[in-house]
PDB file of all heavy atoms in Angstrom:
ATOM      1  N   TYR A   1      17.510  47.247 112.360  1.00  0.00           N
ATOM      2  CA  TYR A   1      16.341  47.477 111.515  1.00  0.00           C
ATOM      3  C   TYR A   1      16.162  46.272 110.604  1.00  0.00           C
ATOM      4  O   TYR A   1      17.105  45.528 110.350  1.00  0.00           O
ATOM      5  CB  TYR A   1      16.524  48.723 110.647  1.00  0.00           C
ATOM      6  CG  TYR A   1      16.307  50.027 111.337  1.00  0.00           C
ATOM      7  CD1 TYR A   1      17.370  50.741 111.872  1.00  0.00           C
ATOM      8  CD2 TYR A   1      15.029  50.580 111.452  1.00  0.00           C
ATOM      9  CE1 TYR A   1      17.165  51.955 112.511  1.00  0.00           C
ATOM     10  CE2 TYR A   1      14.818  51.788 112.097  1.00  0.00           C
ATOM     11  CZ  TYR A   1      15.889  52.475 112.620  1.00  0.00           C
ATOM     12  OH  TYR A   1      15.681  53.665 113.247  1.00  0.00           O
ATOM     13  N   SER A   2      14.980  46.110 110.066  1.00  0.00           N
ATOM     14  CA  SER A   2      14.779  45.040 109.083  1.00  0.00           C
ATOM     15  C   SER A   2      15.531  45.340 107.798  1.00  0.00           C
ATOM     16  O   SER A   2      15.670  44.479 106.935  1.00  0.00           O
ATOM     17  CB  SER A   2      13.280  44.825 108.820  1.00  0.00           C
ATOM     18  OG  SER A   2      12.661  46.040 108.473  1.00  0.00           O
ATOM     19  N   SER A   3      16.059  46.562 107.677  1.00  0.00           N
ATOM     20  CA  SER A   3      16.903  46.937 106.541  1.00  0.00           C
ATOM     21  C   SER A   3      18.359  47.147 106.974  1.00  0.00           C
ATOM     22  O   SER A   3      19.124  47.838 106.299  1.00  0.00           O
ATOM     23  CB  SER A   3      16.380  48.225 105.886  1.00  0.00           C
ATOM     24  OG  SER A   3      16.384  49.285 106.841  1.00  0.00           O
ATOM     25  N   GLY A   4      18.747  46.556 108.113  1.00  0.00           N
ATOM     26  CA  GLY A   4      20.055  46.827 108.692  1.00  0.00           C
ATOM     27  C   GLY A   4      21.218  46.523 107.777  1.00  0.00           C
ATOM     28  O   GLY A   4      22.177  47.303 107.661  1.00  0.00           O
ATOM     29  N   THR A   5      21.182  45.363 107.093  1.00  0.00           N
ATOM     30  CA  THR A   5      22.285  45.009 106.186  1.00  0.00           C
ATOM     31  C   THR A   5      22.366  46.007 105.045  1.00  0.00           C
ATOM     32  O   THR A   5      23.463  46.434 104.650  1.00  0.00           O
ATOM     33  CB  THR A   5      22.066  43.579 105.639  1.00  0.00           C
ATOM     34  OG1 THR A   5      22.029  42.671 106.729  1.00  0.00           O
ATOM     35  CG2 THR A   5      23.211  43.178 104.715  1.00  0.00           C
ATOM     36  N   ASN A   6      21.215  46.406 104.486  1.00  0.00           N
ATOM     37  CA  ASN A   6      21.236  47.400 103.417  1.00  0.00           C
ATOM     38  C   ASN A   6      21.808  48.737 103.887  1.00  0.00           C
ATOM     39  O   ASN A   6      22.481  49.449 103.133  1.00  0.00           O
ATOM     40  CB  ASN A   6      19.820  47.610 102.876  1.00  0.00           C
ATOM     41  CG  ASN A   6      19.421  46.554 101.859  1.00  0.00           C
ATOM     42  OD1 ASN A   6      20.263  45.784 101.410  1.00  0.00           O
ATOM     43  ND2 ASN A   6      18.161  46.519 101.510  1.00  0.00           N
ATOM     44  N   ASN A   7      21.547  49.092 105.142  1.00  0.00           N
ATOM     45  CA  ASN A   7      22.123  50.328 105.688  1.00  0.00           C
ATOM     46  C   ASN A   7      23.644  50.282 105.680  1.00  0.00           C
ATOM     47  O   ASN A   7      24.321  51.253 105.349  1.00  0.00           O
ATOM     48  CB  ASN A   7      21.596  50.555 107.115  1.00  0.00           C
ATOM     49  CG  ASN A   7      20.120  50.842 107.154  1.00  0.00           C
ATOM     50  OD1 ASN A   7      19.519  51.190 106.147  1.00  0.00           O
ATOM     51  ND2 ASN A   7      19.516  50.691 108.320  1.00  0.00           N
ATOM     52  N   VAL A   8      24.195  49.118 106.062  1.00  0.00           N
ATOM     53  CA  VAL A   8      25.654  48.964 106.070  1.00  0.00           C
ATOM     54  C   VAL A   8      26.182  48.908 104.632  1.00  0.00           C
ATOM     55  O   VAL A   8      27.257  49.492 104.342  1.00  0.00           O
ATOM     56  CB  VAL A   8      26.071  47.710 106.859  1.00  0.00           C
ATOM     57  CG1 VAL A   8      27.586  47.517 106.809  1.00  0.00           C
ATOM     58  CG2 VAL A   8      25.609  47.828 108.316  1.00  0.00           C
ATOM     59  N   PHE A   9      25.456  48.247 103.729  1.00  0.00           N
ATOM     60  CA  PHE A   9      25.850  48.270 102.303  1.00  0.00           C
ATOM     61  C   PHE A   9      25.974  49.708 101.810  1.00  0.00           C
ATOM     62  O   PHE A   9      26.908  50.059 101.090  1.00  0.00           O
ATOM     63  CB  PHE A   9      24.795  47.544 101.455  1.00  0.00           C
ATOM     64  CG  PHE A   9      24.897  46.049 101.464  1.00  0.00           C
ATOM     65  CD1 PHE A   9      23.794  45.277 101.114  1.00  0.00           C
ATOM     66  CD2 PHE A   9      26.083  45.393 101.789  1.00  0.00           C
ATOM     67  CE1 PHE A   9      23.869  43.887 101.106  1.00  0.00           C
ATOM     68  CE2 PHE A   9      26.161  44.008 101.791  1.00  0.00           C
ATOM     69  CZ  PHE A   9      25.061  43.253 101.457  1.00  0.00           C
ATOM     70  N   ALA A  10      25.006  50.564 102.210  1.00  0.00           N
ATOM     71  CA  ALA A  10      25.009  51.956 101.755  1.00  0.00           C
ATOM     72  C   ALA A  10      26.279  52.679 102.252  1.00  0.00           C
ATOM     73  O   ALA A  10      26.882  53.464 101.500  1.00  0.00           O
ATOM     74  CB  ALA A  10      23.764  52.675 102.243  1.00  0.00           C
ATOM     75  N   LEU A  11      26.674  52.421 103.484  1.00  0.00           N
ATOM     76  CA  LEU A  11      27.898  53.040 104.010  1.00  0.00           C
ATOM     77  C   LEU A  11      29.132  52.545 103.275  1.00  0.00           C
ATOM     78  O   LEU A  11      30.034  53.322 102.949  1.00  0.00           O
ATOM     79  CB  LEU A  11      28.028  52.754 105.501  1.00  0.00           C
ATOM     80  CG  LEU A  11      26.925  53.310 106.423  1.00  0.00           C
ATOM     81  CD1 LEU A  11      27.265  53.018 107.872  1.00  0.00           C
ATOM     82  CD2 LEU A  11      26.742  54.815 106.227  1.00  0.00           C
ATOM     83  N   ALA A  12      29.180  51.233 103.008  1.00  0.00           N
ATOM     84  CA  ALA A  12      30.315  50.668 102.281  1.00  0.00           C
ATOM     85  C   ALA A  12      30.377  51.243 100.867  1.00  0.00           C
ATOM     86  O   ALA A  12      31.457  51.569 100.363  1.00  0.00           O
ATOM     87  CB  ALA A  12      30.191  49.145 102.226  1.00  0.00           C
ATOM     88  N   ASN A  13      29.210  51.386 100.215  1.00  0.00           N
ATOM     89  CA  ASN A  13      29.167  52.016  98.891  1.00  0.00           C
ATOM     90  C   ASN A  13      29.775  53.406  98.931  1.00  0.00           C
ATOM     91  O   ASN A  13      30.574  53.790  98.059  1.00  0.00           O
ATOM     92  CB  ASN A  13      27.719  52.131  98.403  1.00  0.00           C
ATOM     93  CG  ASN A  13      27.086  50.812  98.027  1.00  0.00           C
ATOM     94  OD1 ASN A  13      27.778  49.806  97.825  1.00  0.00           O
ATOM     95  ND2 ASN A  13      25.760  50.778  97.925  1.00  0.00           N
ATOM     96  N   LEU A  14      29.382  54.174  99.936  1.00  0.00           N
ATOM     97  CA  LEU A  14      29.847  55.562 100.042  1.00  0.00           C
ATOM     98  C   LEU A  14      31.354  55.627 100.255  1.00  0.00           C
ATOM     99  O   LEU A  14      32.043  56.447  99.625  1.00  0.00           O
ATOM    100  CB  LEU A  14      29.108  56.246 101.191  1.00  0.00           C
ATOM    101  CG  LEU A  14      29.388  57.727 101.418  1.00  0.00           C
ATOM    102  CD1 LEU A  14      28.977  58.543 100.209  1.00  0.00           C
ATOM    103  CD2 LEU A  14      28.655  58.225 102.658  1.00  0.00           C
ATOM    104  N   ALA A  15      31.870  54.747 101.131  1.00  0.00           N
ATOM    105  CA  ALA A  15      33.309  54.744 101.407  1.00  0.00           C
ATOM    106  C   ALA A  15      34.108  54.374 100.153  1.00  0.00           C
ATOM    107  O   ALA A  15      35.142  54.995  99.839  1.00  0.00           O
ATOM    108  CB  ALA A  15      33.629  53.790 102.547  1.00  0.00           C
ATOM    109  N   MET A  16      33.646  53.352  99.413  1.00  0.00           N
ATOM    110  CA  MET A  16      34.361  52.946  98.200  1.00  0.00           C
ATOM    111  C   MET A  16      34.257  54.005  97.110  1.00  0.00           C
ATOM    112  O   MET A  16      35.223  54.305  96.419  1.00  0.00           O
ATOM    113  CB  MET A  16      33.806  51.608  97.688  1.00  0.00           C
ATOM    114  CG  MET A  16      34.178  50.416  98.542  1.00  0.00           C
ATOM    115  SD  MET A  16      33.787  48.845  97.768  1.00  0.00           S
ATOM    116  CE  MET A  16      31.991  48.905  97.724  1.00  0.00           C
ATOM    117  N   LEU A  17      33.064  54.577  96.965  1.00  0.00           N
ATOM    118  CA  LEU A  17      32.833  55.589  95.931  1.00  0.00           C
ATOM    119  C   LEU A  17      33.744  56.797  96.083  1.00  0.00           C
ATOM    120  O   LEU A  17      34.226  57.359  95.116  1.00  0.00           O
ATOM    121  CB  LEU A  17      31.359  56.033  96.000  1.00  0.00           C
ATOM    122  CG  LEU A  17      30.876  57.043  94.967  1.00  0.00           C
ATOM    123  CD1 LEU A  17      30.819  56.402  93.589  1.00  0.00           C
ATOM    124  CD2 LEU A  17      29.504  57.581  95.356  1.00  0.00           C
ATOM    125  N   THR A  18      34.028  57.159  97.332  1.00  0.00           N
ATOM    126  CA  THR A  18      34.828  58.367  97.611  1.00  0.00           C
ATOM    127  C   THR A  18      36.297  58.056  97.902  1.00  0.00           C
ATOM    128  O   THR A  18      37.082  58.977  98.152  1.00  0.00           O
ATOM    129  CB  THR A  18      34.237  59.114  98.821  1.00  0.00           C
ATOM    130  OG1 THR A  18      34.186  58.210  99.932  1.00  0.00           O
ATOM    131  CG2 THR A  18      32.844  59.631  98.518  1.00  0.00           C
ATOM    132  N   GLY A  19      36.668  56.760  97.907  1.00  0.00           N
ATOM    133  CA  GLY A  19      38.060  56.389  98.184  1.00  0.00           C
ATOM    134  C   GLY A  19      38.442  56.519  99.657  1.00  0.00           C
ATOM    135  O   GLY A  19      39.619  56.564  99.992  1.00  0.00           O
ATOM    136  N   GLN A  20      37.445  56.581 100.523  1.00  0.00           N
ATOM    137  CA  GLN A  20      37.733  56.696 101.960  1.00  0.00           C
ATOM    138  C   GLN A  20      37.862  55.307 102.596  1.00  0.00           C
ATOM    139  O   GLN A  20      37.195  54.969 103.575  1.00  0.00           O
ATOM    140  CB  GLN A  20      36.640  57.523 102.657  1.00  0.00           C
ATOM    141  CG  GLN A  20      36.515  58.946 102.170  1.00  0.00           C
ATOM    142  CD  GLN A  20      37.670  59.824 102.621  1.00  0.00           C
ATOM    143  OE1 GLN A  20      38.703  59.360 103.118  1.00  0.00           O
ATOM    144  NE2 GLN A  20      37.530  61.132 102.441  1.00  0.00           N
ATOM    145  N   VAL A  21      38.736  54.501 102.043  1.00  0.00           N
ATOM    146  CA  VAL A  21      38.958  53.139 102.545  1.00  0.00           C
ATOM    147  C   VAL A  21      40.346  52.705 102.081  1.00  0.00           C
ATOM    148  O   VAL A  21      40.868  53.191 101.079  1.00  0.00           O
ATOM    149  CB  VAL A  21      37.854  52.179 102.011  1.00  0.00           C
ATOM    150  CG1 VAL A  21      37.949  52.005 100.501  1.00  0.00           C
ATOM    151  CG2 VAL A  21      37.874  50.840 102.707  1.00  0.00           C
ATOM    152  N   GLY A  22      40.992  51.813 102.859  1.00  0.00           N
ATOM    153  CA  GLY A  22      42.295  51.294 102.448  1.00  0.00           C
ATOM    154  C   GLY A  22      43.451  52.225 102.736  1.00  0.00           C
ATOM    155  O   GLY A  22      44.567  52.001 102.263  1.00  0.00           O
ATOM    156  N   ARG A  23      43.208  53.260 103.539  1.00  0.00           N
ATOM    157  CA  ARG A  23      44.269  54.178 103.940  1.00  0.00           C
ATOM    158  C   ARG A  23      44.159  54.451 105.437  1.00  0.00           C
ATOM    159  O   ARG A  23      43.077  54.320 106.014  1.00  0.00           O
ATOM    160  CB  ARG A  23      44.175  55.512 103.174  1.00  0.00           C
ATOM    161  CG  ARG A  23      44.364  55.392 101.677  1.00  0.00           C
ATOM    162  CD  ARG A  23      44.247  56.741 100.969  1.00  0.00           C
ATOM    163  NE  ARG A  23      42.871  57.246 100.973  1.00  0.00           N
ATOM    164  CZ  ARG A  23      42.472  58.351 101.592  1.00  0.00           C
ATOM    165  NH1 ARG A  23      43.338  59.080 102.296  1.00  0.00           N
ATOM    166  NH2 ARG A  23      41.220  58.750 101.545  1.00  0.00           N
ATOM    167  N   TYR A  24      45.258  54.858 106.064  1.00  0.00           N
ATOM    168  CA  TYR A  24      45.237  55.173 107.491  1.00  0.00           C
ATOM    169  C   TYR A  24      44.225  56.304 107.739  1.00  0.00           C
ATOM    170  O   TYR A  24      44.212  57.304 107.037  1.00  0.00           O
ATOM    171  CB  TYR A  24      46.609  55.600 107.968  1.00  0.00           C
ATOM    172  CG  TYR A  24      46.664  55.952 109.432  1.00  0.00           C
ATOM    173  CD1 TYR A  24      46.677  54.957 110.407  1.00  0.00           C
ATOM    174  CD2 TYR A  24      46.672  57.282 109.853  1.00  0.00           C
ATOM    175  CE1 TYR A  24      46.691  55.279 111.758  1.00  0.00           C
ATOM    176  CE2 TYR A  24      46.689  57.614 111.180  1.00  0.00           C
ATOM    177  CZ  TYR A  24      46.702  56.604 112.137  1.00  0.00           C
ATOM    178  OH  TYR A  24      46.719  56.920 113.470  1.00  0.00           O
ATOM    179  N   GLY A  25      43.380  56.123 108.764  1.00  0.00           N
ATOM    180  CA  GLY A  25      42.416  57.161 109.115  1.00  0.00           C
ATOM    181  C   GLY A  25      41.135  57.119 108.322  1.00  0.00           C
ATOM    182  O   GLY A  25      40.299  58.013 108.434  1.00  0.00           O
TER     183      GLY A  25
END
């Protein structure tokens, strides 16, 4: 999409916000 990078930013925001990163699984 012409907003593709922003879409991925949104997913990264969500993962960091909830702590679902930096751990197994």
